[in-house]
Amino acid sequence: MNKDKIKKDIEEIVTINIELEHRVSKLIAENDHLKQTYKQLYDSIKPTRIRSKEQCDALVSQVNLKSVEISDLNISLQEKDLVITAFNNELRKLKGKDLADNVITKHPIALEMLKIDVEPINPRLLKNRTAHSDYLKHTQEEAAILKEIVEQGKSQNPLNNSLDSAYKYTK
């Protein structure tokens, strides 16, 4: 009975070994298949990486070229700006005006100074055409004087921003 039991155990072990060998061979086949798949994927990625690196390098070189172009254009613009400034200065000298590019007045013109203080027309004269026309002429003369003052200040101090807003109010 002992021998039968041992035989039976040996047969079971042989069967288990055969099953395990089948499983191992399946795993080895699957492993080989996975290795082959991953190798193909890696091989397909390699050219793509090379192409993308070449494209990136080409784009970087294009950006560098454009950067050089932009810097050359900026230098050219600065040179032209200097020439224009020199011409403007010469033109002002020829016209007899002092240079006032870098001068900013320390006392800006207050907007209150530019407001026209107009008294209303006397109610008795409301229907008087002559009084109305005189009133309008007087107001226009005051506005013209203020506009002239602002324009003169603007020509003497072109960088004074308060004169810009004052000029806007006199129009």
C-alpha atoms as a PDB file:
ATOM      1  CA  MET A   1       0.000   0.000   0.000  1.00  0.00           C
ATOM      2  CA  ASN A   2       2.880   2.235   0.705  1.00  0.00           C
ATOM      3  CA  LYS A   3       4.300   1.585  -2.724  1.00  0.00           C
ATOM      4  CA  ASP A   4       0.995   2.454  -4.370  1.00  0.00           C
ATOM      5  CA  LYS A   5       0.799   5.642  -2.439  1.00  0.00           C
ATOM      6  CA  ILE A   6       4.352   6.558  -3.412  1.00  0.00           C
ATOM      7  CA  LYS A   7       3.607   5.768  -7.064  1.00  0.00           C
ATOM      8  CA  LYS A   8       0.494   7.870  -6.934  1.00  0.00           C
ATOM      9  CA  ASP A   9       2.439  10.746  -5.342  1.00  0.00           C
ATOM     10  CA  ILE A  10       5.148  10.451  -7.993  1.00  0.00           C
ATOM     11  CA  GLU A  11       2.538  10.529 -10.764  1.00  0.00           C
ATOM     12  CA  GLU A  12       0.919  13.593  -9.214  1.00  0.00           C
ATOM     13  CA  ILE A  13       4.301  15.278  -8.958  1.00  0.00           C
ATOM     14  CA  VAL A  14       5.075  14.405 -12.598  1.00  0.00           C
ATOM     15  CA  THR A  15       1.680  15.796 -13.649  1.00  0.00           C
ATOM     16  CA  ILE A  16       2.262  18.964 -11.649  1.00  0.00           C
ATOM     17  CA  ASN A  17       5.746  19.250 -13.189  1.00  0.00           C
ATOM     18  CA  ILE A  18       4.313  18.892 -16.692  1.00  0.00           C
ATOM     19  CA  GLU A  19       1.657  21.536 -15.945  1.00  0.00           C
ATOM     20  CA  LEU A  20       4.321  23.835 -14.528  1.00  0.00           C
ATOM     21  CA  GLU A  21       6.524  23.262 -17.577  1.00  0.00           C
ATOM     22  CA  HIS A  22       3.577  24.204 -19.814  1.00  0.00           C
ATOM     23  CA  ARG A  23       2.924  27.343 -17.767  1.00  0.00           C
ATOM     24  CA  VAL A  24       6.610  28.283 -17.837  1.00  0.00           C
ATOM     25  CA  SER A  25       6.802  27.749 -21.606  1.00  0.00           C
ATOM     26  CA  LYS A  26       3.662  29.909 -22.041  1.00  0.00           C
ATOM     27  CA  LEU A  27       5.206  32.622 -19.845  1.00  0.00           C
ATOM     28  CA  ILE A  28       8.481  32.414 -21.779  1.00  0.00           C
ATOM     29  CA  ALA A  29       6.578  32.723 -25.084  1.00  0.00           C
ATOM     30  CA  GLU A  30       4.583  35.670 -23.724  1.00  0.00           C
ATOM     31  CA  ASN A  31       7.786  37.246 -22.383  1.00  0.00           C
ATOM     32  CA  ASP A  32       9.454  36.859 -25.791  1.00  0.00           C
ATOM     33  CA  HIS A  33       6.408  38.395 -27.452  1.00  0.00           C
ATOM     34  CA  LEU A  34       6.463  41.344 -25.010  1.00  0.00           C
ATOM     35  CA  LYS A  35      10.206  41.797 -25.536  1.00  0.00           C
ATOM     36  CA  GLN A  36       9.680  41.895 -29.275  1.00  0.00           C
ATOM     37  CA  THR A  37       6.761  44.357 -28.961  1.00  0.00           C
ATOM     38  CA  TYR A  38       8.726  46.685 -26.665  1.00  0.00           C
ATOM     39  CA  LYS A  39      11.750  46.504 -28.953  1.00  0.00           C
ATOM     40  CA  GLN A  40       9.568  47.500 -31.907  1.00  0.00           C
ATOM     41  CA  LEU A  41       8.077  50.368 -29.893  1.00  0.00           C
ATOM     42  CA  TYR A  42      11.512  51.527 -28.804  1.00  0.00           C
ATOM     43  CA  ASP A  43      12.819  51.290 -32.355  1.00  0.00           C
ATOM     44  CA  SER A  44       9.841  53.324 -33.619  1.00  0.00           C
ATOM     45  CA  ILE A  45      10.358  55.973 -30.909  1.00  0.00           C
ATOM     46  CA  LYS A  46      14.018  56.451 -31.759  1.00  0.00           C
ATOM     47  CA  PRO A  47      13.487  58.028 -35.225  1.00  0.00           C
ATOM     48  CA  THR A  48      10.640  60.139 -33.875  1.00  0.00           C
ATOM     49  CA  ARG A  49      12.915  61.452 -31.123  1.00  0.00           C
ATOM     50  CA  ILE A  50      15.624  62.203 -33.662  1.00  0.00           C
ATOM     51  CA  ARG A  51      13.125  64.001 -35.935  1.00  0.00           C
ATOM     52  CA  SER A  52      11.665  66.045 -33.081  1.00  0.00           C
ATOM     53  CA  LYS A  53      15.168  66.987 -31.884  1.00  0.00           C
ATOM     54  CA  GLU A  54      16.078  68.092 -35.424  1.00  0.00           C
ATOM     55  CA  GLN A  55      12.859  70.144 -35.639  1.00  0.00           C
ATOM     56  CA  CYS A  56      13.531  71.686 -32.240  1.00  0.00           C
ATOM     57  CA  ASP A  57      17.084  72.571 -33.257  1.00  0.00           C
ATOM     58  CA  ALA A  58      15.799  74.108 -36.499  1.00  0.00           C
ATOM     59  CA  LEU A  59      13.237  76.183 -34.573  1.00  0.00           C
ATOM     60  CA  VAL A  60      15.874  77.339 -32.098  1.00  0.00           C
ATOM     61  CA  SER A  61      18.140  78.425 -34.947  1.00  0.00           C
ATOM     62  CA  GLN A  62      15.211  80.284 -36.584  1.00  0.00           C
ATOM     63  CA  VAL A  63      14.451  82.042 -33.298  1.00  0.00           C
ATOM     64  CA  ASN A  64      18.110  83.006 -32.957  1.00  0.00           C
ATOM     65  CA  LEU A  65      18.139  84.388 -36.507  1.00  0.00           C
ATOM     66  CA  LYS A  66      14.960  86.373 -35.860  1.00  0.00           C
ATOM     67  CA  SER A  67      16.434  87.650 -32.608  1.00  0.00           C
ATOM     68  CA  VAL A  68      19.501  88.878 -34.474  1.00  0.00           C
ATOM     69  CA  GLU A  69      17.250  90.500 -37.091  1.00  0.00           C
ATOM     70  CA  ILE A  70      15.192  92.214 -34.404  1.00  0.00           C
ATOM     71  CA  SER A  71      18.288  93.494 -32.637  1.00  0.00           C
ATOM     72  CA  ASP A  72      19.630  94.829 -35.965  1.00  0.00           C
ATOM     73  CA  LEU A  73      16.290  96.531 -36.629  1.00  0.00           C
ATOM     74  CA  ASN A  74      16.294  98.035 -33.127  1.00  0.00           C
ATOM     75  CA  ILE A  75      19.788  99.404 -33.681  1.00  0.00           C
ATOM     76  CA  SER A  76      18.697 100.791 -37.050  1.00  0.00           C
ATOM     77  CA  LEU A  77      15.639 102.407 -35.445  1.00  0.00           C
ATOM     78  CA  GLN A  78      17.772 103.967 -32.724  1.00  0.00           C
ATOM     79  CA  GLU A  79      20.146 105.365 -35.344  1.00  0.00           C
ATOM     80  CA  LYS A  80      17.212 106.762 -37.328  1.00  0.00           C
ATOM     81  CA  ASP A  81      15.728 108.229 -34.160  1.00  0.00           C
ATOM     82  CA  LEU A  82      19.025 109.970 -33.438  1.00  0.00           C
ATOM     83  CA  VAL A  83      19.126 111.334 -36.988  1.00  0.00           C
ATOM     84  CA  ILE A  84      15.512 112.547 -36.729  1.00  0.00           C
ATOM     85  CA  THR A  85      16.248 114.185 -33.388  1.00  0.00           C
ATOM     86  CA  ALA A  86      19.304 115.883 -34.853  1.00  0.00           C
ATOM     87  CA  PHE A  87      17.233 117.111 -37.822  1.00  0.00           C
ATOM     88  CA  ASN A  88      14.511 118.391 -35.496  1.00  0.00           C
ATOM     89  CA  ASN A  89      17.104 120.247 -33.422  1.00  0.00           C
ATOM     90  CA  GLU A  90      18.613 121.769 -36.556  1.00  0.00           C
ATOM     91  CA  LEU A  91      15.159 122.743 -37.764  1.00  0.00           C
ATOM     92  CA  ARG A  92      14.382 124.442 -34.446  1.00  0.00           C
ATOM     93  CA  LYS A  93      17.701 126.260 -34.570  1.00  0.00           C
ATOM     94  CA  LEU A  94      16.937 127.426 -38.096  1.00  0.00           C
ATOM     95  CA  LYS A  95      13.508 128.630 -37.005  1.00  0.00           C
ATOM     96  CA  GLY A  96      15.122 130.463 -34.097  1.00  0.00           C
ATOM     97  CA  LYS A  97      13.411 128.494 -31.349  1.00  0.00           C
ATOM     98  CA  ASP A  98      15.302 127.269 -28.324  1.00  0.00           C
ATOM     99  CA  LEU A  99      15.580 123.557 -27.770  1.00  0.00           C
ATOM    100  CA  ALA A 100      13.119 122.455 -25.171  1.00  0.00           C
ATOM    101  CA  ASP A 101      13.047 118.687 -25.518  1.00  0.00           C
ATOM    102  CA  ASN A 102      14.451 117.922 -22.111  1.00  0.00           C
ATOM    103  CA  VAL A 103      12.893 120.819 -20.245  1.00  0.00           C
ATOM    104  CA  ILE A 104       9.832 120.276 -18.122  1.00  0.00           C
ATOM    105  CA  THR A 105       8.379 123.169 -16.206  1.00  0.00           C
ATOM    106  CA  LYS A 106       8.332 122.770 -12.488  1.00  0.00           C
ATOM    107  CA  HIS A 107       5.080 124.717 -12.222  1.00  0.00           C
ATOM    108  CA  PRO A 108       2.438 123.102 -14.404  1.00  0.00           C
ATOM    109  CA  ILE A 109      -0.462 125.207 -15.547  1.00  0.00           C
ATOM    110  CA  ALA A 110      -3.454 124.577 -13.317  1.00  0.00           C
ATOM    111  CA  LEU A 111      -6.659 123.793 -15.162  1.00  0.00           C
ATOM    112  CA  GLU A 112      -8.481 126.363 -13.040  1.00  0.00           C
ATOM    113  CA  MET A 113      -6.370 129.089 -14.688  1.00  0.00           C
ATOM    114  CA  LEU A 114      -7.655 128.036 -18.095  1.00  0.00           C
ATOM    115  CA  LYS A 115     -11.333 128.159 -17.238  1.00  0.00           C
ATOM    116  CA  ILE A 116     -13.201 131.067 -18.706  1.00  0.00           C
ATOM    117  CA  ASP A 117     -15.016 133.076 -16.078  1.00  0.00           C
ATOM    118  CA  VAL A 118     -18.085 134.299 -17.950  1.00  0.00           C
ATOM    119  CA  GLU A 119     -20.739 136.360 -16.293  1.00  0.00           C
ATOM    120  CA  PRO A 120     -24.272 135.594 -17.374  1.00  0.00           C
ATOM    121  CA  ILE A 121     -26.090 138.145 -19.527  1.00  0.00           C
ATOM    122  CA  ASN A 122     -28.221 140.598 -17.691  1.00  0.00           C
ATOM    123  CA  PRO A 123     -31.866 139.452 -17.940  1.00  0.00           C
ATOM    124  CA  ARG A 124     -32.826 142.816 -19.461  1.00  0.00           C
ATOM    125  CA  LEU A 125     -30.483 142.138 -22.393  1.00  0.00           C
ATOM    126  CA  LEU A 126     -31.620 138.552 -23.098  1.00  0.00           C
ATOM    127  CA  LYS A 127     -33.638 139.574 -26.132  1.00  0.00           C
ATOM    128  CA  ASN A 128     -31.043 142.070 -27.368  1.00  0.00           C
ATOM    129  CA  ARG A 129     -29.260 140.653 -30.414  1.00  0.00           C
ATOM    130  CA  THR A 130     -26.391 143.112 -30.249  1.00  0.00           C
ATOM    131  CA  ALA A 131     -25.734 142.253 -26.607  1.00  0.00           C
ATOM    132  CA  HIS A 132     -25.705 138.552 -27.476  1.00  0.00           C
ATOM    133  CA  SER A 133     -23.270 138.960 -30.346  1.00  0.00           C
ATOM    134  CA  ASP A 134     -21.005 141.183 -28.213  1.00  0.00           C
ATOM    135  CA  TYR A 135     -21.158 138.622 -25.437  1.00  0.00           C
ATOM    136  CA  LEU A 136     -20.216 135.765 -27.824  1.00  0.00           C
ATOM    137  CA  LYS A 137     -17.365 137.791 -29.398  1.00  0.00           C
ATOM    138  CA  HIS A 138     -15.978 138.598 -25.953  1.00  0.00           C
ATOM    139  CA  THR A 139     -16.147 134.931 -24.902  1.00  0.00           C
ATOM    140  CA  GLN A 140     -14.480 133.809 -28.152  1.00  0.00           C
ATOM    141  CA  GLU A 141     -11.716 136.368 -27.691  1.00  0.00           C
ATOM    142  CA  GLU A 142     -11.035 135.097 -24.166  1.00  0.00           C
ATOM    143  CA  ALA A 143     -10.968 131.503 -25.421  1.00  0.00           C
ATOM    144  CA  ALA A 144      -8.599 132.455 -28.267  1.00  0.00           C
ATOM    145  CA  ILE A 145      -6.258 134.208 -25.820  1.00  0.00           C
ATOM    146  CA  LEU A 146      -6.220 131.157 -23.535  1.00  0.00           C
ATOM    147  CA  LYS A 147      -5.661 128.846 -26.496  1.00  0.00           C
ATOM    148  CA  GLU A 148      -2.748 130.998 -27.641  1.00  0.00           C
ATOM    149  CA  ILE A 149      -1.221 130.908 -24.151  1.00  0.00           C
ATOM    150  CA  VAL A 150      -1.487 127.114 -24.032  1.00  0.00           C
ATOM    151  CA  GLU A 151      -0.051 126.681 -27.543  1.00  0.00           C
ATOM    152  CA  GLN A 152       2.855 128.957 -26.681  1.00  0.00           C
ATOM    153  CA  GLY A 153       3.502 126.985 -23.487  1.00  0.00           C
ATOM    154  CA  LYS A 154       3.226 123.728 -25.435  1.00  0.00           C
ATOM    155  CA  SER A 155       5.790 124.883 -28.009  1.00  0.00           C
ATOM    156  CA  GLN A 156       8.195 125.900 -25.246  1.00  0.00           C
ATOM    157  CA  ASN A 157       7.691 122.737 -23.172  1.00  0.00           C
ATOM    158  CA  PRO A 158       6.584 119.868 -25.430  1.00  0.00           C
ATOM    159  CA  LEU A 159       7.107 117.280 -22.694  1.00  0.00           C
ATOM    160  CA  ASN A 160       4.794 118.948 -20.199  1.00  0.00           C
ATOM    161  CA  ASN A 161       1.803 116.625 -19.897  1.00  0.00           C
ATOM    162  CA  SER A 162      -0.367 119.130 -18.066  1.00  0.00           C
ATOM    163  CA  LEU A 163      -0.278 121.301 -21.195  1.00  0.00           C
ATOM    164  CA  ASP A 164      -1.680 118.404 -23.221  1.00  0.00           C
ATOM    165  CA  SER A 165      -4.793 118.261 -21.095  1.00  0.00           C
ATOM    166  CA  ALA A 166      -5.037 122.063 -21.058  1.00  0.00           C
ATOM    167  CA  TYR A 167      -4.757 122.126 -24.858  1.00  0.00           C
ATOM    168  CA  LYS A 168      -7.585 119.593 -25.023  1.00  0.00           C
ATOM    169  CA  TYR A 169      -9.838 121.927 -22.993  1.00  0.00           C
ATOM    170  CA  THR A 170      -9.129 124.929 -25.204  1.00  0.00           C
ATOM    171  CA  LYS A 171     -10.251 123.250 -28.407  1.00  0.00           C
END
